[in-house]
PDB file of N, CA and C in Angstrom:
ATOM      1  N   ASP A   1     108.380 106.126  89.761  1.00  0.00           N
ATOM      2  CA  ASP A   1     108.300 104.612  89.442  1.00  0.00           C
ATOM      3  C   ASP A   1     106.857 104.318  89.412  1.00  0.00           C
ATOM      4  N   GLU A   2     106.584 103.216  88.814  1.00  0.00           N
ATOM      5  CA  GLU A   2     105.274 102.816  88.578  1.00  0.00           C
ATOM      6  C   GLU A   2     105.164 101.106  89.016  1.00  0.00           C
ATOM      7  N   SER A   3     104.025 100.685  89.588  1.00  0.00           N
ATOM      8  CA  SER A   3     103.879  99.461  90.126  1.00  0.00           C
ATOM      9  C   SER A   3     102.375  98.982  89.757  1.00  0.00           C
ATOM     10  N   HIS A   4     102.429  97.624  89.644  1.00  0.00           N
ATOM     11  CA  HIS A   4     101.095  97.002  89.334  1.00  0.00           C
ATOM     12  C   HIS A   4     100.899  96.078  90.600  1.00  0.00           C
ATOM     13  N   PHE A   5      99.588  96.042  90.963  1.00  0.00           N
ATOM     14  CA  PHE A   5      99.086  95.281  92.066  1.00  0.00           C
ATOM     15  C   PHE A   5      97.945  94.538  91.745  1.00  0.00           C
ATOM     16  N   GLU A   6      97.896  93.309  92.004  1.00  0.00           N
ATOM     17  CA  GLU A   6      96.719  92.442  91.669  1.00  0.00           C
ATOM     18  C   GLU A   6      95.779  92.404  93.255  1.00  0.00           C
ATOM     19  N   VAL A   7      94.534  92.587  93.083  1.00  0.00           N
ATOM     20  CA  VAL A   7      93.576  92.498  94.152  1.00  0.00           C
ATOM     21  C   VAL A   7      93.312  91.209  94.578  1.00  0.00           C
ATOM     22  N   PHE A   8      92.964  90.327  93.772  1.00  0.00           N
ATOM     23  CA  PHE A   8      92.661  89.123  94.246  1.00  0.00           C
ATOM     24  C   PHE A   8      93.253  88.041  93.105  1.00  0.00           C
ATOM     25  N   ASN A   9      93.225  86.675  93.239  1.00  0.00           N
ATOM     26  CA  ASN A   9      93.713  85.758  92.133  1.00  0.00           C
ATOM     27  C   ASN A   9      95.175  86.107  91.802  1.00  0.00           C
ATOM     28  N   ARG A  10      95.941  86.273  92.621  1.00  0.00           N
ATOM     29  CA  ARG A  10      97.356  86.552  92.254  1.00  0.00           C
ATOM     30  C   ARG A  10      97.937  85.640  91.420  1.00  0.00           C
ATOM     31  N   LYS A  11      98.727  85.977  90.289  1.00  0.00           N
ATOM     32  CA  LYS A  11      99.341  85.210  89.418  1.00  0.00           C
ATOM     33  C   LYS A  11     100.619  84.552  89.836  1.00  0.00           C
ATOM     34  N   ASN A  12     101.057  85.164  90.813  1.00  0.00           N
ATOM     35  CA  ASN A  12     102.382  84.509  91.462  1.00  0.00           C
ATOM     36  C   ASN A  12     102.090  83.543  92.564  1.00  0.00           C
ATOM     37  N   LYS A  13     102.791  82.588  92.846  1.00  0.00           N
ATOM     38  CA  LYS A  13     102.603  81.694  93.950  1.00  0.00           C
ATOM     39  C   LYS A  13     103.031  82.587  95.104  1.00  0.00           C
ATOM     40  N   SER A  14     102.240  82.084  96.257  1.00  0.00           N
ATOM     41  CA  SER A  14     102.733  82.708  97.557  1.00  0.00           C
ATOM     42  C   SER A  14     102.886  81.508  98.653  1.00  0.00           C
ATOM     43  N   PHE A  15     104.010  81.660  99.382  1.00  0.00           N
ATOM     44  CA  PHE A  15     104.168  80.552 100.185  1.00  0.00           C
ATOM     45  C   PHE A  15     103.889  81.023 101.701  1.00  0.00           C
ATOM     46  N   VAL A  16     103.624  80.259 102.664  1.00  0.00           N
ATOM     47  CA  VAL A  16     103.062  80.537 103.989  1.00  0.00           C
ATOM     48  C   VAL A  16     103.926  79.551 104.937  1.00  0.00           C
ATOM     49  N   ARG A  17     104.546  80.021 105.825  1.00  0.00           N
ATOM     50  CA  ARG A  17     105.322  79.313 106.804  1.00  0.00           C
ATOM     51  C   ARG A  17     104.343  79.077 108.068  1.00  0.00           C
ATOM     52  N   ARG A  18     104.020  77.901 108.554  1.00  0.00           N
ATOM     53  CA  ARG A  18     103.017  77.973 109.575  1.00  0.00           C
ATOM     54  C   ARG A  18     103.429  76.514 110.285  1.00  0.00           C
ATOM     55  N   LEU A  19     102.936  76.431 111.689  1.00  0.00           N
ATOM     56  CA  LEU A  19     103.107  75.235 112.423  1.00  0.00           C
ATOM     57  C   LEU A  19     102.160  74.168 111.840  1.00  0.00           C
ATOM     58  N   PRO A  20     102.432  72.887 112.161  1.00  0.00           N
ATOM     59  CA  PRO A  20     101.526  71.872 111.672  1.00  0.00           C
ATOM     60  C   PRO A  20     100.087  72.046 112.251  1.00  0.00           C
ATOM     61  N   SER A  21      99.968  72.473 113.528  1.00  0.00           N
ATOM     62  CA  SER A  21      98.797  72.748 114.143  1.00  0.00           C
ATOM     63  C   SER A  21      97.936  73.839 113.562  1.00  0.00           C
ATOM     64  N   GLU A  22      98.484  74.718 112.679  1.00  0.00           N
ATOM     65  CA  GLU A  22      97.874  75.886 112.108  1.00  0.00           C
ATOM     66  C   GLU A  22      97.394  75.599 110.635  1.00  0.00           C
ATOM     67  N   SER A  23      97.711  74.383 110.089  1.00  0.00           N
ATOM     68  CA  SER A  23      97.293  74.252 108.823  1.00  0.00           C
ATOM     69  C   SER A  23      96.016  74.435 108.144  1.00  0.00           C
ATOM     70  N   ASP A  24      95.003  74.416 108.947  1.00  0.00           N
ATOM     71  CA  ASP A  24      93.803  74.550 108.597  1.00  0.00           C
ATOM     72  C   ASP A  24      93.117  75.820 109.047  1.00  0.00           C
ATOM     73  N   LYS A  25      93.827  76.871 109.671  1.00  0.00           N
ATOM     74  CA  LYS A  25      93.357  78.016 110.137  1.00  0.00           C
ATOM     75  C   LYS A  25      93.003  79.150 109.106  1.00  0.00           C
ATOM     76  N   PRO A  26      91.879  79.727 109.194  1.00  0.00           N
ATOM     77  CA  PRO A  26      91.567  80.741 107.990  1.00  0.00           C
ATOM     78  C   PRO A  26      92.705  81.742 107.677  1.00  0.00           C
ATOM     79  N   PHE A  27      93.563  82.138 108.473  1.00  0.00           N
ATOM     80  CA  PHE A  27      94.582  83.036 108.035  1.00  0.00           C
ATOM     81  C   PHE A  27      95.539  82.525 106.975  1.00  0.00           C
ATOM     82  N   ASN A  28      95.545  81.251 106.954  1.00  0.00           N
ATOM     83  CA  ASN A  28      96.487  80.743 105.842  1.00  0.00           C
ATOM     84  C   ASN A  28      95.996  80.605 104.632  1.00  0.00           C
ATOM     85  N   PHE A  29      94.691  81.042 104.341  1.00  0.00           N
ATOM     86  CA  PHE A  29      94.183  80.789 103.002  1.00  0.00           C
ATOM     87  C   PHE A  29      93.915  82.305 102.468  1.00  0.00           C
ATOM     88  N   GLN A  30      94.013  82.388 101.128  1.00  0.00           N
ATOM     89  CA  GLN A  30      93.609  83.700 100.483  1.00  0.00           C
ATOM     90  C   GLN A  30      92.500  83.490  99.632  1.00  0.00           C
ATOM     91  N   PRO A  31      91.401  84.672  99.853  1.00  0.00           N
ATOM     92  CA  PRO A  31      90.103  84.536  99.146  1.00  0.00           C
ATOM     93  C   PRO A  31      90.350  84.385  97.575  1.00  0.00           C
ATOM     94  N   ARG A  32      89.542  83.710  96.986  1.00  0.00           N
ATOM     95  CA  ARG A  32      89.497  83.787  95.413  1.00  0.00           C
ATOM     96  C   ARG A  32      88.350  84.337  95.085  1.00  0.00           C
ATOM     97  N   VAL A  33      88.337  84.844  93.883  1.00  0.00           N
ATOM     98  CA  VAL A  33      86.861  85.234  93.084  1.00  0.00           C
ATOM     99  C   VAL A  33      87.014  84.788  91.730  1.00  0.00           C
ATOM    100  N   GLN A  34      85.851  84.737  91.138  1.00  0.00           N
ATOM    101  CA  GLN A  34      85.773  84.241  89.780  1.00  0.00           C
ATOM    102  C   GLN A  34      86.043  85.379  89.046  1.00  0.00           C
ATOM    103  N   GLY A  35      86.828  84.954  87.848  1.00  0.00           N
ATOM    104  CA  GLY A  35      87.135  86.126  86.830  1.00  0.00           C
ATOM    105  C   GLY A  35      88.517  86.527  87.456  1.00  0.00           C
ATOM    106  N   ASP A  36      89.011  87.681  86.820  1.00  0.00           N
ATOM    107  CA  ASP A  36      90.196  88.153  87.200  1.00  0.00           C
ATOM    108  C   ASP A  36      90.619  88.840  88.446  1.00  0.00           C
ATOM    109  N   GLY A  37      89.529  89.148  89.088  1.00  0.00           N
ATOM    110  CA  GLY A  37      89.812  89.623  90.450  1.00  0.00           C
ATOM    111  C   GLY A  37      90.108  91.224  90.379  1.00  0.00           C
ATOM    112  N   GLY A  38      90.820  91.580  89.361  1.00  0.00           N
ATOM    113  CA  GLY A  38      91.022  92.920  89.331  1.00  0.00           C
ATOM    114  C   GLY A  38      92.555  93.393  89.661  1.00  0.00           C
ATOM    115  N   SER A  39      92.819  94.681  89.052  1.00  0.00           N
ATOM    116  CA  SER A  39      94.395  95.018  89.451  1.00  0.00           C
ATOM    117  C   SER A  39      94.243  96.515  89.276  1.00  0.00           C
ATOM    118  N   ILE A  40      95.336  97.135  89.737  1.00  0.00           N
ATOM    119  CA  ILE A  40      95.556  98.528  89.824  1.00  0.00           C
ATOM    120  C   ILE A  40      96.903  98.902  89.401  1.00  0.00           C
ATOM    121  N   ASN A  41      97.050  99.938  88.771  1.00  0.00           N
ATOM    122  CA  ASN A  41      98.358 100.447  88.554  1.00  0.00           C
ATOM    123  C   ASN A  41      98.587 101.723  89.120  1.00  0.00           C
ATOM    124  N   ILE A  42      99.757 102.053  89.469  1.00  0.00           N
ATOM    125  CA  ILE A  42     100.015 103.222  90.277  1.00  0.00           C
ATOM    126  C   ILE A  42     101.307 103.832  89.863  1.00  0.00           C
ATOM    127  N   TRP A  43     101.368 105.060  89.751  1.00  0.00           N
ATOM    128  CA  TRP A  43     102.576 105.827  89.496  1.00  0.00           C
ATOM    129  C   TRP A  43     102.769 106.745  90.615  1.00  0.00           C
ATOM    130  N   GLY A  44     104.101 106.942  91.044  1.00  0.00           N
ATOM    131  CA  GLY A  44     104.417 107.892  92.070  1.00  0.00           C
ATOM    132  C   GLY A  44     105.923 108.488  91.981  1.00  0.00           C
ATOM    133  N   ILE A  45     106.196 109.690  92.673  1.00  0.00           N
ATOM    134  CA  ILE A  45     107.403 110.055  92.633  1.00  0.00           C
ATOM    135  C   ILE A  45     108.075 110.422  94.135  1.00  0.00           C
ATOM    136  N   MET A  46     109.386 110.196  94.288  1.00  0.00           N
ATOM    137  CA  MET A  46     110.034 110.446  95.461  1.00  0.00           C
ATOM    138  C   MET A  46     111.184 111.233  95.001  1.00  0.00           C
ATOM    139  N   THR A  47     111.590 112.468  95.642  1.00  0.00           N
ATOM    140  CA  THR A  47     112.868 113.138  95.485  1.00  0.00           C
ATOM    141  C   THR A  47     113.438 113.540  96.789  1.00  0.00           C
ATOM    142  N   GLY A  48     114.684 114.032  96.723  1.00  0.00           N
ATOM    143  CA  GLY A  48     115.327 114.637  97.928  1.00  0.00           C
ATOM    144  C   GLY A  48     114.410 115.692  98.435  1.00  0.00           C
ATOM    145  N   LYS A  49     113.530 116.344  97.731  1.00  0.00           N
ATOM    146  CA  LYS A  49     112.788 117.335  98.309  1.00  0.00           C
ATOM    147  C   LYS A  49     111.361 116.908  98.772  1.00  0.00           C
ATOM    148  N   GLY A  50     110.934 115.729  98.700  1.00  0.00           N
ATOM    149  CA  GLY A  50     109.740 114.994  99.223  1.00  0.00           C
ATOM    150  C   GLY A  50     109.099 114.056  98.173  1.00  0.00           C
ATOM    151  N   VAL A  51     107.776 113.717  98.671  1.00  0.00           N
ATOM    152  CA  VAL A  51     107.111 112.702  98.063  1.00  0.00           C
ATOM    153  C   VAL A  51     106.144 113.273  97.240  1.00  0.00           C
ATOM    154  N   GLY A  52     105.795 112.948  96.105  1.00  0.00           N
ATOM    155  CA  GLY A  52     104.754 113.543  95.181  1.00  0.00           C
ATOM    156  C   GLY A  52     103.615 112.784  95.287  1.00  0.00           C
ATOM    157  N   PRO A  53     102.439 113.182  94.524  1.00  0.00           N
ATOM    158  CA  PRO A  53     101.232 112.520  94.544  1.00  0.00           C
ATOM    159  C   PRO A  53     101.286 111.195  93.820  1.00  0.00           C
ATOM    160  N   LEU A  54     100.428 110.330  94.041  1.00  0.00           N
ATOM    161  CA  LEU A  54     100.192 109.195  93.223  1.00  0.00           C
ATOM    162  C   LEU A  54      99.173 109.155  92.354  1.00  0.00           C
ATOM    163  N   VAL A  55      99.447 108.661  91.135  1.00  0.00           N
ATOM    164  CA  VAL A  55      98.498 108.659  90.177  1.00  0.00           C
ATOM    165  C   VAL A  55      98.151 107.296  89.636  1.00  0.00           C
ATOM    166  N   PHE A  56      96.856 106.808  89.626  1.00  0.00           N
ATOM    167  CA  PHE A  56      96.282 105.704  89.333  1.00  0.00           C
ATOM    168  C   PHE A  56      95.913 105.838  87.868  1.00  0.00           C
ATOM    169  N   TYR A  57      96.136 104.499  87.296  1.00  0.00           N
ATOM    170  CA  TYR A  57      95.747 104.435  85.725  1.00  0.00           C
ATOM    171  C   TYR A  57      95.409 103.033  85.452  1.00  0.00           C
ATOM    172  N   ASP A  58      94.718 102.989  84.422  1.00  0.00           N
ATOM    173  CA  ASP A  58      94.232 101.659  83.946  1.00  0.00           C
ATOM    174  C   ASP A  58      95.033 101.165  82.754  1.00  0.00           C
ATOM    175  N   GLY A  59      95.058  99.919  82.813  1.00  0.00           N
ATOM    176  CA  GLY A  59      95.681  99.206  81.519  1.00  0.00           C
ATOM    177  C   GLY A  59      97.326  99.333  81.403  1.00  0.00           C
ATOM    178  N   ARG A  60      97.689  98.796  80.166  1.00  0.00           N
ATOM    179  CA  ARG A  60      99.077  99.001  79.909  1.00  0.00           C
ATOM    180  C   ARG A  60      99.240 100.484  79.227  1.00  0.00           C
ATOM    181  N   MET A  61     100.670 100.860  79.488  1.00  0.00           N
ATOM    182  CA  MET A  61     101.084 102.052  78.891  1.00  0.00           C
ATOM    183  C   MET A  61     102.149 102.035  77.891  1.00  0.00           C
ATOM    184  N   ASN A  62     101.993 102.786  76.879  1.00  0.00           N
ATOM    185  CA  ASN A  62     103.147 102.872  75.888  1.00  0.00           C
ATOM    186  C   ASN A  62     103.745 104.284  76.363  1.00  0.00           C
ATOM    187  N   GLY A  63     104.615 104.737  75.604  1.00  0.00           N
ATOM    188  CA  GLY A  63     105.565 105.831  75.927  1.00  0.00           C
ATOM    189  C   GLY A  63     104.567 107.139  76.019  1.00  0.00           C
ATOM    190  N   GLN A  64     103.838 107.375  74.888  1.00  0.00           N
ATOM    191  CA  GLN A  64     103.137 108.389  74.693  1.00  0.00           C
ATOM    192  C   GLN A  64     102.143 108.590  75.873  1.00  0.00           C
ATOM    193  N   SER A  65     101.263 107.468  76.108  1.00  0.00           N
ATOM    194  CA  SER A  65     100.266 107.367  77.242  1.00  0.00           C
ATOM    195  C   SER A  65     100.823 107.721  78.547  1.00  0.00           C
ATOM    196  N   TYR A  66     102.029 107.158  78.863  1.00  0.00           N
ATOM    197  CA  TYR A  66     102.772 107.382  80.092  1.00  0.00           C
ATOM    198  C   TYR A  66     103.077 108.810  80.284  1.00  0.00           C
ATOM    199  N   ILE A  67     103.507 109.499  79.272  1.00  0.00           N
ATOM    200  CA  ILE A  67     103.704 110.954  79.380  1.00  0.00           C
ATOM    201  C   ILE A  67     102.506 111.711  79.553  1.00  0.00           C
ATOM    202  N   GLY A  68     101.413 111.410  78.800  1.00  0.00           N
ATOM    203  CA  GLY A  68     100.263 111.980  78.966  1.00  0.00           C
ATOM    204  C   GLY A  68      99.560 111.899  80.429  1.00  0.00           C
ATOM    205  N   VAL A  69      99.864 110.825  81.057  1.00  0.00           N
ATOM    206  CA  VAL A  69      99.189 110.636  82.503  1.00  0.00           C
ATOM    207  C   VAL A  69     100.350 111.402  83.529  1.00  0.00           C
ATOM    208  N   ILE A  70     101.395 111.314  83.446  1.00  0.00           N
ATOM    209  CA  ILE A  70     102.223 111.881  84.498  1.00  0.00           C
ATOM    210  C   ILE A  70     102.816 113.195  84.037  1.00  0.00           C
ATOM    211  N   GLU A  71     102.495 113.717  83.073  1.00  0.00           N
ATOM    212  CA  GLU A  71     103.080 115.140  82.741  1.00  0.00           C
ATOM    213  C   GLU A  71     102.566 116.157  83.522  1.00  0.00           C
ATOM    214  N   PRO A  72     101.080 116.247  83.769  1.00  0.00           N
ATOM    215  CA  PRO A  72     100.625 117.380  84.449  1.00  0.00           C
ATOM    216  C   PRO A  72     100.966 117.213  85.942  1.00  0.00           C
ATOM    217  N   VAL A  73     100.958 116.070  86.484  1.00  0.00           N
ATOM    218  CA  VAL A  73     101.292 115.938  87.799  1.00  0.00           C
ATOM    219  C   VAL A  73     102.681 116.145  88.060  1.00  0.00           C
ATOM    220  N   LEU A  74     103.714 115.656  87.392  1.00  0.00           N
ATOM    221  CA  LEU A  74     104.984 115.915  87.290  1.00  0.00           C
ATOM    222  C   LEU A  74     105.387 117.382  87.316  1.00  0.00           C
ATOM    223  N   LEU A  75     104.986 118.174  86.374  1.00  0.00           N
ATOM    224  CA  LEU A  75     105.232 119.500  86.245  1.00  0.00           C
ATOM    225  C   LEU A  75     104.671 120.212  87.323  1.00  0.00           C
ATOM    226  N   SER A  76     103.581 119.858  87.918  1.00  0.00           N
ATOM    227  CA  SER A  76     103.066 120.659  89.091  1.00  0.00           C
ATOM    228  C   SER A  76     103.862 120.398  90.431  1.00  0.00           C
ATOM    229  N   PHE A  77     104.221 119.097  90.525  1.00  0.00           N
ATOM    230  CA  PHE A  77     105.150 118.952  91.628  1.00  0.00           C
ATOM    231  C   PHE A  77     106.613 119.525  91.527  1.00  0.00           C
ATOM    232  N   ILE A  78     107.132 119.596  90.296  1.00  0.00           N
ATOM    233  CA  ILE A  78     108.433 120.284  90.268  1.00  0.00           C
ATOM    234  C   ILE A  78     108.240 121.730  90.382  1.00  0.00           C
ATOM    235  N   GLU A  79     107.191 122.328  89.995  1.00  0.00           N
ATOM    236  CA  GLU A  79     106.942 123.744  90.326  1.00  0.00           C
ATOM    237  C   GLU A  79     106.939 124.296  91.737  1.00  0.00           C
ATOM    238  N   LYS A  80     106.453 123.384  92.702  1.00  0.00           N
ATOM    239  CA  LYS A  80     106.363 123.658  93.971  1.00  0.00           C
ATOM    240  C   LYS A  80     107.652 123.849  94.717  1.00  0.00           C
TER     241      LYS A  80
END
């Protein structure tokens, strides 16, 4: 499976439940950075035989680049 994680400046809204007395506490605020803040893409595998390695990759993938990234890792995992 693959996942995309945003480091800062999340594009989705996040909601926080807090008491009225906690509204100005620092833990209720998320840090912001100028620009995009960065993101990371990760691919990993889990099977009945165990958990495989994580693969970190940049940018979007089409089918051919997806195979190129995971094929060496997947084949070595299957061979074990």
